[in-house]
Amino acid sequence: MDTSDTQKAALNDEQIDRYSRHILLPEMGGKGQKKLLDASVLCIGAGGLGSPVIMYLAAAGVGRIGIIDDDDVELSNLQRQIIHSTADLGRPKAVSAKEYVEALNPDVKVDLHHGRLTAENVMDIISNYDAVIDGTDNFPTRYLVNDACFFQQKPLFYGAVLRFDGQASAFLTSPEAPCYRCLYPEPPPPGEVPSCQEAGVLGAVVGTIGVIQATEFIKWVLGIGQPITGRLMFYNALDMTFRTVKLRRRPDCELCGPNPTITELMEYDETCELRAAKAQS
């Protein structure tokens, strides 16, 4: 194992032991591990996608993780939301997730944000983090987060699951990179896309997609590999297939195109109807 003077200066002995399998990787080493310890990320949701994301980022030593989730743990969550246990039933998911992280890795600081993201608070919250990971389970929040990340030029790591299928991408901040609205310009009409509560989801599928989101964030922090930006990855568990399609910035995108019509945050209600436009200074 490479334990050079530089690495020893950056990491204490316990950290060198804890992260030894990372340090062995030539693409990471001690300097890369220090980058992770200095990094911060906001995880939106501590449910199906948020559970594996939070678990693996905490284990990896991401130094500060923000968690926002306003739901309580229910029995039906435990089939896939593996950061919680039966003993957590009825407790806030964000609190349960924080306790899990603290028990796993004392190097990681956890910020709790109570309540839901809104047009009034989203800009202030995400401004405190290097990047955002989307573990949402509803379209109104997903569009709000995409728009806020674009306005603040924050990388957004996207994932979604339903039944046996999942998809993932990364919306980064390079000039030609697409945003979520390049892929899906508007929320779908009410009832067109069923929720997991209505259609079901295989628990392991959210693990697969969440781990991909965590991996892409780690790669971005370290500046290694080929990011998934500009591509949309589809996963089908029944066929055990992965395929990717290219994504390009739409020249007529209402948000990131050259002639945007969305210049302030837009908020949708739970039926995906536009509720209000909130100007942000």
Protein backbone atom coordinates (compact mmCIF):
# COMPACT_ATOMS: atom_id res chain seq x y z
CA MET A 1 0.00 0.00 0.00
CA ASP A 2 1.20 3.46 -0.89
CA THR A 3 1.47 5.37 2.37
CA SER A 4 3.65 8.23 1.28
CA ASP A 5 4.44 11.19 3.51
CA THR A 6 1.90 13.25 1.57
CA GLN A 7 -0.84 10.72 2.21
CA LYS A 8 0.05 10.35 5.87
CA ALA A 9 -0.12 14.11 6.26
CA ALA A 10 -3.62 14.13 4.76
CA LEU A 11 -5.01 11.08 6.60
CA ASN A 12 -4.56 9.83 10.13
CA ASP A 13 -3.64 6.21 10.87
CA GLU A 14 -7.23 5.14 11.46
CA GLN A 15 -8.30 6.67 8.16
CA ILE A 16 -5.46 5.00 6.29
CA ASP A 17 -6.74 1.69 7.65
CA ARG A 18 -10.44 2.42 7.08
CA TYR A 19 -9.95 3.54 3.48
CA SER A 20 -7.05 1.23 2.63
CA ARG A 21 -8.88 -0.41 -0.28
CA HIS A 22 -9.46 3.01 -1.78
CA ILE A 23 -5.85 4.06 -1.25
CA LEU A 24 -4.71 0.97 -3.13
CA LEU A 25 -6.43 2.24 -6.26
CA PRO A 26 -3.96 4.20 -8.38
CA GLU A 27 -6.81 6.45 -9.56
CA MET A 28 -7.50 7.46 -5.96
CA GLY A 29 -4.69 6.97 -3.45
CA GLY A 30 -4.55 9.06 -0.31
CA LYS A 31 -4.99 12.32 -2.18
CA GLY A 32 -8.21 11.10 -3.75
CA GLN A 33 -9.51 9.92 -0.41
CA LYS A 34 -8.79 13.36 1.03
CA LYS A 35 -10.87 14.86 -1.79
CA LEU A 36 -13.79 12.69 -0.73
CA LEU A 37 -13.37 13.70 2.90
CA ASP A 38 -13.43 17.35 1.81
CA ALA A 39 -16.49 16.89 -0.45
CA SER A 40 -20.13 17.62 0.29
CA VAL A 41 -23.35 16.42 -1.30
CA LEU A 42 -27.07 16.91 -0.76
CA CYS A 43 -29.13 13.70 -0.94
CA ILE A 44 -32.75 14.49 -1.70
CA GLY A 45 -34.70 11.64 -0.19
CA ALA A 46 -33.71 8.92 2.27
CA GLY A 47 -35.90 6.25 0.73
CA GLY A 48 -35.36 3.65 -1.98
CA LEU A 49 -32.67 5.47 -3.95
CA GLY A 50 -31.42 7.55 -1.05
CA SER A 51 -30.69 4.50 1.10
CA PRO A 52 -27.93 2.96 -1.08
CA VAL A 53 -26.65 6.41 -2.04
CA ILE A 54 -26.26 7.49 1.58
CA MET A 55 -24.85 4.14 2.67
CA TYR A 56 -22.11 3.98 0.06
CA LEU A 57 -21.16 7.65 0.22
CA ALA A 58 -20.88 7.44 3.99
CA ALA A 59 -18.80 4.28 3.77
CA ALA A 60 -16.62 5.93 1.12
CA GLY A 61 -15.86 8.83 3.44
CA VAL A 62 -17.69 11.72 1.78
CA GLY A 63 -17.10 14.32 4.46
CA ARG A 64 -20.47 16.07 4.59
CA ILE A 65 -23.82 14.65 3.54
CA GLY A 66 -27.01 16.67 3.63
CA ILE A 67 -30.24 14.68 3.91
CA ILE A 68 -33.71 16.05 3.24
CA ASP A 69 -36.81 13.89 3.63
CA ASP A 70 -40.08 14.73 5.34
CA ASP A 71 -41.52 11.20 5.55
CA ASP A 72 -41.61 8.72 8.42
CA VAL A 73 -40.50 5.09 8.13
CA GLU A 74 -43.37 2.74 7.26
CA LEU A 75 -43.41 -1.05 7.20
CA SER A 76 -43.86 -1.13 3.41
CA ASN A 77 -40.61 0.87 3.03
CA LEU A 78 -38.38 -1.82 4.52
CA GLN A 79 -38.51 -4.06 1.44
CA ARG A 80 -36.16 -1.64 -0.35
CA GLN A 81 -35.20 1.26 1.94
CA ILE A 82 -32.36 -0.64 3.57
CA ILE A 83 -30.89 2.20 5.60
CA HIS A 84 -33.86 1.81 7.98
CA SER A 85 -34.87 -1.09 10.24
CA THR A 86 -37.99 -2.41 11.92
CA ALA A 87 -36.99 -0.51 15.06
CA ASP A 88 -37.25 2.74 13.07
CA LEU A 89 -40.94 2.37 12.22
CA GLY A 90 -42.74 5.65 12.78
CA ARG A 91 -39.52 7.66 13.06
CA PRO A 92 -38.46 10.37 10.57
CA LYS A 93 -36.46 8.85 7.74
CA ALA A 94 -33.93 11.67 7.84
CA VAL A 95 -33.22 11.05 11.53
CA SER A 96 -32.95 7.29 11.02
CA ALA A 97 -30.56 7.84 8.11
CA LYS A 98 -28.42 10.24 10.12
CA GLU A 99 -28.06 7.74 12.94
CA TYR A 100 -27.08 5.02 10.47
CA VAL A 101 -24.35 7.19 8.97
CA GLU A 102 -22.99 8.23 12.34
CA ALA A 103 -22.79 4.61 13.46
CA LEU A 104 -21.05 3.60 10.24
CA ASN A 105 -18.46 6.35 9.83
CA PRO A 106 -17.63 9.07 12.37
CA ASP A 107 -15.66 10.92 9.68
CA VAL A 108 -18.92 11.97 8.02
CA LYS A 109 -20.88 15.04 9.14
CA VAL A 110 -24.61 14.81 8.48
CA ASP A 111 -26.82 17.87 7.96
CA LEU A 112 -30.55 17.34 8.42
CA HIS A 113 -33.04 19.49 6.54
CA HIS A 114 -36.56 19.03 7.83
CA GLY A 115 -39.59 19.50 5.60
CA ARG A 116 -40.00 19.49 1.85
CA LEU A 117 -38.01 21.34 -0.77
CA THR A 118 -39.91 24.34 -2.10
CA ALA A 119 -39.19 27.24 -4.39
CA GLU A 120 -38.64 29.32 -1.26
CA ASN A 121 -35.91 27.15 0.31
CA VAL A 122 -34.28 25.07 -2.43
CA MET A 123 -31.73 27.66 -3.55
CA ASP A 124 -30.49 28.32 -0.03
CA ILE A 125 -30.21 24.61 0.75
CA ILE A 126 -28.37 23.42 -2.34
CA SER A 127 -25.99 26.39 -2.26
CA ASN A 128 -24.21 24.74 0.69
CA TYR A 129 -23.15 21.62 -1.24
CA ASP A 130 -20.82 20.69 -4.06
CA ALA A 131 -23.45 18.60 -5.83
CA VAL A 132 -26.94 17.13 -5.52
CA ILE A 133 -28.15 13.54 -5.81
CA ASP A 134 -31.78 13.10 -6.83
CA GLY A 135 -33.55 10.39 -4.83
CA THR A 136 -37.00 11.92 -5.24
CA ASP A 137 -40.17 9.93 -5.78
CA ASN A 138 -42.31 12.64 -7.38
CA PHE A 139 -42.17 14.85 -10.44
CA PRO A 140 -42.80 18.25 -8.80
CA THR A 141 -39.66 17.95 -6.66
CA ARG A 142 -37.62 16.52 -9.52
CA TYR A 143 -38.28 19.48 -11.79
CA LEU A 144 -37.75 21.97 -8.99
CA VAL A 145 -34.37 20.40 -8.16
CA ASN A 146 -33.28 20.31 -11.79
CA ASP A 147 -34.09 23.97 -12.31
CA ALA A 148 -32.42 25.06 -9.07
CA CYS A 149 -29.27 23.08 -9.88
CA PHE A 150 -29.13 24.67 -13.32
CA PHE A 151 -29.49 28.19 -11.93
CA GLN A 152 -26.76 27.53 -9.35
CA GLN A 153 -24.59 25.47 -11.71
CA LYS A 154 -24.57 22.47 -9.37
CA PRO A 155 -23.99 18.94 -10.75
CA LEU A 156 -27.13 16.81 -10.44
CA PHE A 157 -26.97 13.00 -10.34
CA TYR A 158 -30.29 11.57 -11.47
CA GLY A 159 -31.96 8.21 -10.91
CA ALA A 160 -35.47 6.80 -11.22
CA VAL A 161 -37.01 3.35 -10.81
CA LEU A 162 -40.33 1.59 -11.41
CA ARG A 163 -41.20 -2.11 -11.31
CA PHE A 164 -38.12 -3.91 -12.72
CA ASP A 165 -36.67 -0.91 -14.55
CA GLY A 166 -34.36 1.93 -13.69
CA GLN A 167 -32.56 4.81 -15.35
CA ALA A 168 -29.70 7.09 -14.42
CA SER A 169 -27.77 10.05 -15.76
CA ALA A 170 -25.69 12.99 -14.60
CA PHE A 171 -26.53 16.57 -15.48
CA LEU A 172 -23.25 18.40 -15.13
CA THR A 173 -22.34 22.03 -15.63
CA SER A 174 -20.33 22.03 -18.86
CA PRO A 175 -21.59 24.41 -21.57
CA GLU A 176 -22.97 21.68 -23.83
CA ALA A 177 -24.36 19.37 -21.15
CA PRO A 178 -28.11 18.72 -21.24
CA CYS A 179 -30.43 19.19 -18.28
CA TYR A 180 -33.35 17.06 -17.13
CA ARG A 181 -35.76 19.22 -19.14
CA CYS A 182 -33.82 18.35 -22.30
CA LEU A 183 -34.89 14.77 -21.62
CA TYR A 184 -38.39 15.41 -20.29
CA PRO A 185 -39.47 19.02 -21.01
CA GLU A 186 -42.59 18.92 -18.82
CA PRO A 187 -44.03 16.65 -16.13
CA PRO A 188 -46.33 13.93 -17.47
CA PRO A 189 -50.10 14.32 -17.25
CA PRO A 190 -51.63 13.06 -14.00
CA GLY A 191 -52.03 9.28 -13.98
CA GLU A 192 -49.83 8.64 -17.02
CA VAL A 193 -46.88 7.35 -14.97
CA PRO A 194 -47.86 5.20 -11.97
CA SER A 195 -46.00 5.54 -8.70
CA CYS A 196 -44.15 2.70 -7.01
CA GLN A 197 -47.04 2.57 -4.54
CA GLU A 198 -49.41 1.90 -7.45
CA ALA A 199 -47.25 -0.28 -9.69
CA GLY A 200 -44.67 -1.83 -7.37
CA VAL A 201 -40.89 -2.00 -7.54
CA LEU A 202 -38.35 -4.76 -7.05
CA GLY A 203 -36.32 -3.70 -4.03
CA ALA A 204 -32.95 -4.64 -5.48
CA VAL A 205 -33.51 -2.39 -8.51
CA VAL A 206 -33.31 0.77 -6.40
CA GLY A 207 -30.05 -0.59 -4.97
CA THR A 208 -28.57 -0.94 -8.45
CA ILE A 209 -29.55 2.56 -9.55
CA GLY A 210 -28.61 4.18 -6.25
CA VAL A 211 -25.16 2.62 -6.34
CA ILE A 212 -24.70 3.95 -9.89
CA GLN A 213 -25.61 7.44 -8.67
CA ALA A 214 -23.13 7.16 -5.80
CA THR A 215 -20.42 5.88 -8.15
CA GLU A 216 -20.92 8.75 -10.57
CA PHE A 217 -20.67 11.29 -7.77
CA ILE A 218 -17.43 9.73 -6.50
CA LYS A 219 -15.97 9.72 -10.03
CA TRP A 220 -16.91 13.38 -10.40
CA VAL A 221 -15.22 14.35 -7.12
CA LEU A 222 -12.07 12.49 -8.11
CA GLY A 223 -12.12 13.57 -11.75
CA ILE A 224 -11.66 10.01 -13.00
CA GLY A 225 -13.25 7.84 -15.65
CA GLN A 226 -15.92 8.75 -18.16
CA PRO A 227 -18.95 10.45 -16.59
CA ILE A 228 -22.44 9.42 -17.60
CA THR A 229 -23.30 12.99 -18.55
CA GLY A 230 -24.64 13.22 -22.08
CA ARG A 231 -25.97 9.69 -21.76
CA LEU A 232 -29.08 8.12 -20.27
CA MET A 233 -28.61 4.60 -18.93
CA PHE A 234 -31.52 2.17 -18.86
CA TYR A 235 -31.49 -0.94 -16.68
CA ASN A 236 -33.93 -3.83 -16.93
CA ALA A 237 -33.63 -6.38 -14.13
CA LEU A 238 -35.78 -9.05 -15.79
CA ASP A 239 -33.52 -9.22 -18.84
CA MET A 240 -30.43 -8.14 -16.85
CA THR A 241 -29.57 -5.63 -19.56
CA PHE A 242 -28.02 -2.21 -19.52
CA ARG A 243 -28.24 0.12 -22.48
CA THR A 244 -27.42 3.77 -22.97
CA VAL A 245 -28.68 6.42 -25.34
CA LYS A 246 -26.99 9.70 -26.10
CA LEU A 247 -28.46 12.89 -24.67
CA ARG A 248 -27.87 16.29 -26.19
CA ARG A 249 -28.84 19.73 -25.05
CA ARG A 250 -32.05 20.61 -26.87
CA PRO A 251 -31.62 23.87 -28.78
CA ASP A 252 -35.21 24.73 -27.83
CA CYS A 253 -34.91 23.73 -24.17
CA GLU A 254 -36.99 26.15 -22.13
CA LEU A 255 -34.38 26.15 -19.34
CA CYS A 256 -30.87 25.63 -20.73
CA GLY A 257 -31.34 26.51 -24.41
CA PRO A 258 -30.02 29.71 -25.98
CA ASN A 259 -33.43 31.41 -25.68
CA PRO A 260 -34.81 30.22 -22.34
CA THR A 261 -38.36 30.92 -21.31
CA ILE A 262 -37.83 29.54 -17.80
CA THR A 263 -35.77 32.16 -16.02
CA GLU A 264 -36.98 31.65 -12.47
CA LEU A 265 -38.02 28.70 -10.35
CA MET A 266 -41.30 27.05 -11.29
CA GLU A 267 -43.24 24.98 -8.78
CA TYR A 268 -45.69 22.22 -9.66
CA ASP A 269 -48.29 20.75 -7.35
CA GLU A 270 -48.80 17.02 -6.83
CA THR A 271 -50.94 16.80 -9.97
CA CYS A 272 -48.03 18.34 -11.92
CA GLU A 273 -50.01 21.47 -12.65
CA LEU A 274 -48.00 24.68 -12.55
CA ARG A 275 -48.78 26.32 -9.23
CA ALA A 276 -46.56 29.38 -9.15
CA ALA A 277 -43.41 30.96 -10.46
CA LYS A 278 -41.04 32.18 -7.79
CA ALA A 279 -38.48 34.84 -8.63
CA GLN A 280 -35.07 34.29 -7.09
CA SER A 281 -32.59 37.09 -6.53
